[in-house]
Amino acid sequence: MKILLAPMEGLTDVYMRDILTTIAGAQGYDWCVTEFIRVTQQLLPAKIFYQYCPELLQDSKTNAGTLVHIQLLGSDPQLLAENAHLATELGAPAIDLNFGCPAKSVNSHRGGAVLLDEPETIYQIVSAVRRAVPAHIPVSAKMRLGFNDRLPMLDNALAIQSAGASWLTVHARTKADAYKPPAHWHELAKIRQHVTLPVIANGDVNSMSSLAQCLHESQCFDVMIGRGAVIRPDLVAQIRGTQAALTWSELVQWQLKFLDDMHQAVVQPNSIHEGYVKSTEKGAIGRYKQWLAMLSQHWPQAKLLFELVKKESLYQKIVALVLASAAYP
């Protein structure tokens, strides 16, 4: 079974990818995918790719050795093709195309899930990107079940396959569903009956039991984990059977590393991080609070800590509170 770390805008950035793949270990994730890089009107400069994926400078791998694929979002087949070609020249090991983002700001500019009402456009995009990148570089796509309904689900999957995609990842909801439970894993089984390319299941895998149910209902062999991986950083290692569950004191050390990694980018900026909002002190603190709030969904200690941290704005004060929380039972 392949286990992949999902691309999540504003969440699975380079710092989160580093922490989660390190905790998961060498046998954890098969690969991860960047936040989407939006392509609208031009061939992007190389620095944009480096901002979203600094791992390009180290063989496109996280510090744990996990491959990082580049994800692009847009609606212009030729522009996407040109940017995909540049990404591979910079070292991207694979290109993923986003047809699943539900954000209104993205959909209103013909990006993400709104294209699910245009199977022909999806075909043109995947086909153009497939032609533009070297044959040995995989091109994949990530989609939802549809925009307002699931009617074009099979048309989109077949369009992606016929355009030459190497695999398809499906978040088991429509855009209209947003992230409301449940994820409709059984719909992926219908897709698998109509396509021959690998289909990767995504949506609401956050425990061993939900993983088993997802694989059973979807009839998929591989899974992409998103929010569940952030809420439970030790989940993938437990699935693999390589590690026991983290203790709270162990997770505190990982939180401190996360804070320090971002803080180092603030105090020692370089050209890659120039202008990158998450590499400001305010941005770094905000990113940590975001993660801590998500950890609170599984860890009672995180909930207690978040109540102390949420109104703090000073880095050193937050570090001290995190350190002190190691004593929480």
Protein backbone atom coordinates (compact mmCIF):
# COMPACT_ATOMS: atom_id res chain seq x y z
CA MET A 1 0.00 0.00 0.00
CA LYS A 2 1.24 3.47 -0.90
CA ILE A 3 0.61 6.19 1.68
CA LEU A 4 0.87 9.78 0.50
CA LEU A 5 0.83 13.12 2.31
CA ALA A 6 -1.85 15.36 0.81
CA PRO A 7 -1.30 18.85 -0.58
CA MET A 8 -3.21 21.29 1.63
CA GLU A 9 -3.11 25.01 0.94
CA GLY A 10 -1.67 26.97 3.85
CA LEU A 11 -0.92 23.81 5.81
CA THR A 12 1.43 21.24 4.30
CA ASP A 13 4.21 23.66 3.48
CA VAL A 14 7.92 22.84 3.63
CA TYR A 15 8.01 22.98 7.45
CA MET A 16 5.01 20.71 7.91
CA ARG A 17 6.26 18.31 5.25
CA ASP A 18 9.60 18.11 7.03
CA ILE A 19 8.10 17.40 10.45
CA LEU A 20 5.53 14.86 9.28
CA THR A 21 7.87 12.90 7.02
CA THR A 22 10.55 12.85 9.71
CA ILE A 23 8.13 11.55 12.33
CA ALA A 24 6.82 8.94 9.88
CA GLY A 25 10.35 7.72 9.18
CA ALA A 26 11.99 6.32 6.08
CA GLN A 27 9.26 3.73 5.60
CA GLY A 28 6.40 6.17 6.15
CA TYR A 29 5.16 8.24 3.23
CA ASP A 30 5.89 7.16 -0.33
CA TRP A 31 5.79 10.80 -1.41
CA CYS A 32 4.18 14.11 -0.59
CA VAL A 33 2.80 16.92 -2.74
CA THR A 34 3.30 20.67 -2.46
CA GLU A 35 0.59 23.21 -1.86
CA PHE A 36 -0.79 24.22 -5.23
CA ILE A 37 1.20 26.70 -7.27
CA ARG A 38 -1.30 28.91 -9.08
CA VAL A 39 -0.68 29.49 -12.79
CA THR A 40 -2.67 32.33 -14.32
CA GLN A 41 -1.02 34.60 -16.86
CA GLN A 42 2.67 33.82 -17.23
CA LEU A 43 5.55 31.43 -16.99
CA LEU A 44 6.44 31.74 -13.33
CA PRO A 45 10.00 32.62 -12.27
CA ALA A 46 12.07 29.83 -10.77
CA LYS A 47 12.04 31.54 -7.35
CA ILE A 48 8.31 30.81 -7.00
CA PHE A 49 8.92 27.09 -7.38
CA TYR A 50 11.75 27.29 -4.84
CA GLN A 51 9.52 29.16 -2.38
CA TYR A 52 6.84 26.49 -2.55
CA CYS A 53 9.30 23.62 -2.80
CA PRO A 54 12.76 24.38 -1.35
CA GLU A 55 13.28 20.62 -1.51
CA LEU A 56 14.03 21.10 -5.21
CA LEU A 57 17.51 22.13 -4.04
CA GLN A 58 18.06 18.76 -2.37
CA ASP A 59 16.98 16.27 -5.03
CA SER A 60 13.31 17.08 -4.41
CA LYS A 61 13.34 15.27 -1.09
CA THR A 62 12.50 16.24 2.45
CA ASN A 63 15.21 15.88 5.08
CA ALA A 64 13.78 12.44 5.80
CA GLY A 65 14.32 11.44 2.17
CA THR A 66 10.68 11.57 1.06
CA LEU A 67 10.07 12.68 -2.52
CA VAL A 68 8.10 15.90 -3.07
CA HIS A 69 5.89 16.27 -6.15
CA ILE A 70 4.94 19.68 -7.54
CA GLN A 71 1.24 20.55 -7.78
CA LEU A 72 -0.03 23.14 -10.27
CA LEU A 73 -3.45 24.80 -10.45
CA GLY A 74 -4.95 26.76 -13.33
CA SER A 75 -7.16 26.54 -16.41
CA ASP A 76 -4.90 27.45 -19.34
CA PRO A 77 -3.50 24.21 -20.84
CA GLN A 78 -0.55 25.87 -22.56
CA LEU A 79 0.52 27.94 -19.55
CA LEU A 80 0.23 24.93 -17.28
CA ALA A 81 2.29 22.91 -19.74
CA GLU A 82 5.03 25.55 -19.86
CA ASN A 83 5.19 25.82 -16.08
CA ALA A 84 5.19 22.05 -15.69
CA HIS A 85 8.11 21.83 -18.10
CA LEU A 86 10.03 24.44 -16.08
CA ALA A 87 9.27 22.59 -12.83
CA THR A 88 10.78 19.40 -14.23
CA GLU A 89 13.84 21.32 -15.43
CA LEU A 90 14.25 22.53 -11.84
CA GLY A 91 14.15 18.93 -10.64
CA ALA A 92 10.50 18.10 -9.92
CA PRO A 93 10.13 14.28 -9.94
CA ALA A 94 6.42 14.43 -10.84
CA ILE A 95 3.67 16.92 -11.70
CA ASP A 96 0.25 16.82 -10.06
CA LEU A 97 -2.70 18.86 -11.36
CA ASN A 98 -5.28 20.30 -8.99
CA PHE A 99 -8.94 19.82 -9.94
CA GLY A 100 -10.18 19.64 -6.38
CA CYS A 101 -9.63 22.92 -4.51
CA PRO A 102 -13.04 24.09 -3.21
CA ALA A 103 -12.02 27.66 -2.27
CA LYS A 104 -14.35 30.32 -3.73
CA SER A 105 -11.41 32.64 -4.46
CA VAL A 106 -9.84 29.89 -6.58
CA ASN A 107 -13.03 28.64 -8.24
CA SER A 108 -14.09 32.16 -9.24
CA HIS A 109 -10.95 32.37 -11.38
CA ARG A 110 -11.58 29.00 -13.08
CA GLY A 111 -9.22 27.03 -10.91
CA GLY A 112 -9.60 23.88 -8.85
CA ALA A 113 -12.94 22.09 -8.46
CA VAL A 114 -14.92 24.42 -10.74
CA LEU A 115 -13.28 22.71 -13.72
CA LEU A 116 -15.06 19.48 -12.82
CA ASP A 117 -18.00 20.81 -14.83
CA GLU A 118 -15.66 20.94 -17.86
CA PRO A 119 -14.33 17.42 -18.57
CA GLU A 120 -13.02 18.52 -21.97
CA THR A 121 -10.96 21.31 -20.37
CA ILE A 122 -9.56 18.82 -17.88
CA TYR A 123 -8.61 16.55 -20.77
CA GLN A 124 -6.87 19.41 -22.57
CA ILE A 125 -4.91 20.40 -19.46
CA VAL A 126 -3.70 16.92 -18.60
CA SER A 127 -2.90 16.17 -22.22
CA ALA A 128 -0.91 19.41 -22.69
CA VAL A 129 1.10 18.85 -19.52
CA ARG A 130 1.74 15.21 -20.42
CA ARG A 131 3.17 16.29 -23.79
CA ALA A 132 5.27 19.04 -22.25
CA VAL A 133 7.23 17.07 -19.68
CA PRO A 134 9.73 14.25 -20.26
CA ALA A 135 8.17 10.83 -20.75
CA HIS A 136 9.74 9.41 -17.58
CA ILE A 137 8.15 12.14 -15.39
CA PRO A 138 4.73 11.07 -14.05
CA VAL A 139 1.78 13.40 -14.51
CA SER A 140 -1.11 12.86 -12.11
CA ALA A 141 -4.34 14.61 -11.21
CA LYS A 142 -6.33 15.16 -8.03
CA MET A 143 -10.06 15.74 -8.21
CA ARG A 144 -13.26 15.67 -6.19
CA LEU A 145 -16.38 13.73 -7.07
CA GLY A 146 -17.81 16.81 -8.75
CA PHE A 147 -18.65 20.47 -8.25
CA ASN A 148 -22.30 20.69 -7.20
CA ASP A 149 -23.10 17.02 -7.83
CA ARG A 150 -21.45 13.75 -8.83
CA LEU A 151 -22.89 13.50 -12.34
CA PRO A 152 -19.62 14.25 -14.22
CA MET A 153 -17.53 12.03 -11.94
CA LEU A 154 -16.89 9.27 -14.46
CA ASP A 155 -16.48 11.69 -17.38
CA ASN A 156 -13.73 13.49 -15.49
CA ALA A 157 -11.95 10.29 -14.46
CA LEU A 158 -12.06 8.97 -18.02
CA ALA A 159 -10.84 12.31 -19.39
CA ILE A 160 -7.87 12.24 -17.03
CA GLN A 161 -7.07 8.66 -18.02
CA SER A 162 -7.39 9.22 -21.76
CA ALA A 163 -5.16 12.30 -21.52
CA GLY A 164 -2.33 10.08 -20.29
CA ALA A 165 -2.24 10.58 -16.53
CA SER A 166 -0.19 8.10 -14.54
CA TRP A 167 -2.65 7.95 -11.64
CA LEU A 168 -5.68 9.73 -10.21
CA THR A 169 -6.29 10.81 -6.63
CA VAL A 170 -9.93 11.37 -5.64
CA HIS A 171 -11.16 13.27 -2.62
CA ALA A 172 -14.44 11.50 -1.91
CA ARG A 173 -16.63 14.60 -1.78
CA THR A 174 -17.99 17.22 -4.17
CA LYS A 175 -17.09 20.88 -3.89
CA ALA A 176 -20.57 21.48 -2.49
CA ASP A 177 -19.85 18.92 0.23
CA ALA A 178 -16.76 20.93 1.26
CA TYR A 179 -15.34 18.92 4.17
CA LYS A 180 -18.63 17.87 5.75
CA PRO A 181 -18.73 14.21 6.81
CA PRO A 182 -19.04 11.63 5.57
CA ALA A 183 -16.53 11.02 2.80
CA HIS A 184 -18.27 8.98 0.09
CA TRP A 185 -15.59 6.33 -0.37
CA HIS A 186 -17.99 3.94 -2.13
CA GLU A 187 -18.06 6.29 -5.15
CA LEU A 188 -14.38 5.58 -5.75
CA ALA A 189 -15.23 1.93 -6.29
CA LYS A 190 -17.46 3.02 -9.20
CA ILE A 191 -14.59 5.00 -10.69
CA ARG A 192 -12.28 2.00 -10.37
CA GLN A 193 -14.74 -0.09 -12.37
CA HIS A 194 -14.42 2.30 -15.33
CA VAL A 195 -10.73 3.19 -15.43
CA THR A 196 -7.54 1.17 -15.56
CA LEU A 197 -5.14 3.72 -14.12
CA PRO A 198 -4.43 3.55 -10.36
CA VAL A 199 -6.95 5.40 -8.19
CA ILE A 200 -5.79 6.75 -4.83
CA ALA A 201 -8.40 7.31 -2.11
CA ASN A 202 -8.48 10.57 -0.15
CA GLY A 203 -10.72 12.01 2.52
CA ASP A 204 -11.32 11.44 6.25
CA VAL A 205 -8.62 8.83 6.87
CA ASN A 206 -7.66 9.71 10.43
CA SER A 207 -7.34 6.38 12.25
CA MET A 208 -6.57 2.73 11.69
CA SER A 209 -10.28 1.91 11.58
CA SER A 210 -11.14 4.66 9.08
CA LEU A 211 -8.26 3.52 6.86
CA ALA A 212 -9.60 -0.04 6.81
CA GLN A 213 -13.13 1.21 6.05
CA CYS A 214 -11.87 3.52 3.31
CA LEU A 215 -9.93 0.78 1.55
CA HIS A 216 -12.87 -1.61 1.86
CA GLU A 217 -15.50 0.79 0.48
CA SER A 218 -13.34 2.42 -2.19
CA GLN A 219 -11.72 -0.82 -3.36
CA CYS A 220 -8.51 1.22 -3.67
CA PHE A 221 -5.09 -0.08 -2.71
CA ASP A 222 -3.44 3.27 -1.96
CA VAL A 223 -4.42 6.24 0.20
CA MET A 224 -3.60 9.93 0.53
CA ILE A 225 -3.90 11.31 4.06
CA GLY A 226 -4.41 15.00 4.75
CA ARG A 227 -5.84 16.51 7.93
CA GLY A 228 -5.60 13.17 9.74
CA ALA A 229 -1.82 13.20 9.28
CA VAL A 230 -1.54 16.70 10.75
CA ILE A 231 -3.83 15.95 13.69
CA ARG A 232 -2.09 12.64 14.40
CA PRO A 233 1.55 12.97 13.25
CA ASP A 234 2.29 9.41 14.39
CA LEU A 235 -0.59 7.85 12.43
CA VAL A 236 1.41 6.77 9.37
CA ALA A 237 4.17 5.14 11.43
CA GLN A 238 1.48 3.22 13.33
CA ILE A 239 -0.14 2.12 10.07
CA ARG A 240 3.24 0.90 8.87
CA GLY A 241 3.87 -0.80 12.20
CA THR A 242 7.26 0.87 12.57
CA GLN A 243 6.63 2.95 15.69
CA ALA A 244 4.47 3.08 18.77
CA ALA A 245 2.16 6.01 19.38
CA LEU A 246 3.89 9.22 20.37
CA THR A 247 3.72 10.34 23.97
CA TRP A 248 2.80 13.96 24.64
CA SER A 249 6.32 14.77 25.83
CA GLU A 250 7.71 13.37 22.57
CA LEU A 251 5.25 15.45 20.56
CA VAL A 252 6.33 18.54 22.51
CA GLN A 253 9.85 18.09 21.16
CA TRP A 254 8.52 17.93 17.61
CA GLN A 255 6.51 21.11 18.19
CA LEU A 256 9.65 22.85 19.41
CA LYS A 257 11.50 21.73 16.30
CA PHE A 258 8.68 23.03 14.13
CA LEU A 259 8.85 26.41 15.87
CA ASP A 260 12.64 26.55 15.64
CA ASP A 261 12.73 25.63 11.95
CA MET A 262 10.37 28.47 11.08
CA HIS A 263 12.12 30.89 13.44
CA GLN A 264 15.48 30.19 11.79
CA ALA A 265 14.02 31.27 8.45
CA VAL A 266 13.00 34.54 10.14
CA VAL A 267 16.36 35.33 11.78
CA GLN A 268 18.47 33.98 8.92
CA PRO A 269 16.48 34.75 5.77
CA ASN A 270 17.75 33.76 2.36
CA SER A 271 16.70 34.45 -1.21
CA ILE A 272 14.34 31.46 -1.27
CA HIS A 273 12.26 32.76 1.62
CA GLU A 274 12.33 36.43 0.62
CA GLY A 275 8.77 37.72 0.61
CA TYR A 276 7.41 34.39 1.89
CA VAL A 277 4.77 35.36 4.45
CA LYS A 278 5.26 32.23 6.54
CA SER A 279 8.87 33.24 7.13
CA THR A 280 7.92 36.33 9.09
CA GLU A 281 7.70 35.98 12.86
CA LYS A 282 3.96 36.66 12.76
CA GLY A 283 3.55 34.08 10.03
CA ALA A 284 5.62 31.48 11.88
CA ILE A 285 3.64 31.94 15.09
CA GLY A 286 0.37 31.77 13.19
CA ARG A 287 1.43 28.51 11.52
CA TYR A 288 2.27 26.95 14.88
CA LYS A 289 -1.07 28.01 16.39
CA GLN A 290 -2.83 26.50 13.39
CA TRP A 291 -1.10 23.16 13.96
CA LEU A 292 -1.69 23.24 17.72
CA ALA A 293 -5.41 23.87 17.15
CA MET A 294 -5.53 20.82 14.90
CA LEU A 295 -3.57 18.70 17.39
CA SER A 296 -6.25 19.65 19.94
CA GLN A 297 -8.71 17.46 18.04
CA HIS A 298 -6.83 14.37 19.24
CA TRP A 299 -4.58 15.42 22.14
CA PRO A 300 -6.23 16.80 25.33
CA GLN A 301 -2.84 18.27 26.32
CA ALA A 302 -2.79 20.27 23.09
CA LYS A 303 -6.20 21.70 23.92
CA LEU A 304 -4.91 22.91 27.30
CA LEU A 305 -1.79 24.37 25.71
CA PHE A 306 -3.74 26.11 22.97
CA GLU A 307 -5.78 28.03 25.56
CA LEU A 308 -2.51 29.47 26.90
CA VAL A 309 -0.86 30.09 23.55
CA LYS A 310 -3.68 31.44 21.40
CA LYS A 311 -3.36 35.08 22.54
CA GLU A 312 0.44 35.15 22.78
CA SER A 313 2.42 36.96 20.09
CA LEU A 314 5.99 36.64 21.39
CA TYR A 315 8.03 33.72 20.07
CA GLN A 316 10.08 33.16 23.24
CA LYS A 317 6.97 33.21 25.44
CA ILE A 318 5.32 30.58 23.24
CA VAL A 319 8.43 28.40 23.33
CA ALA A 320 8.44 28.60 27.14
CA LEU A 321 4.77 27.58 27.32
CA VAL A 322 5.37 24.64 24.98
CA LEU A 323 8.36 23.50 27.07
CA ALA A 324 6.33 23.71 30.27
CA SER A 325 3.54 21.64 28.71
CA ALA A 326 5.84 18.60 28.58
CA ALA A 327 4.85 18.01 32.19
CA TYR A 328 1.16 17.70 31.33
CA PRO A 329 -0.17 14.22 32.21
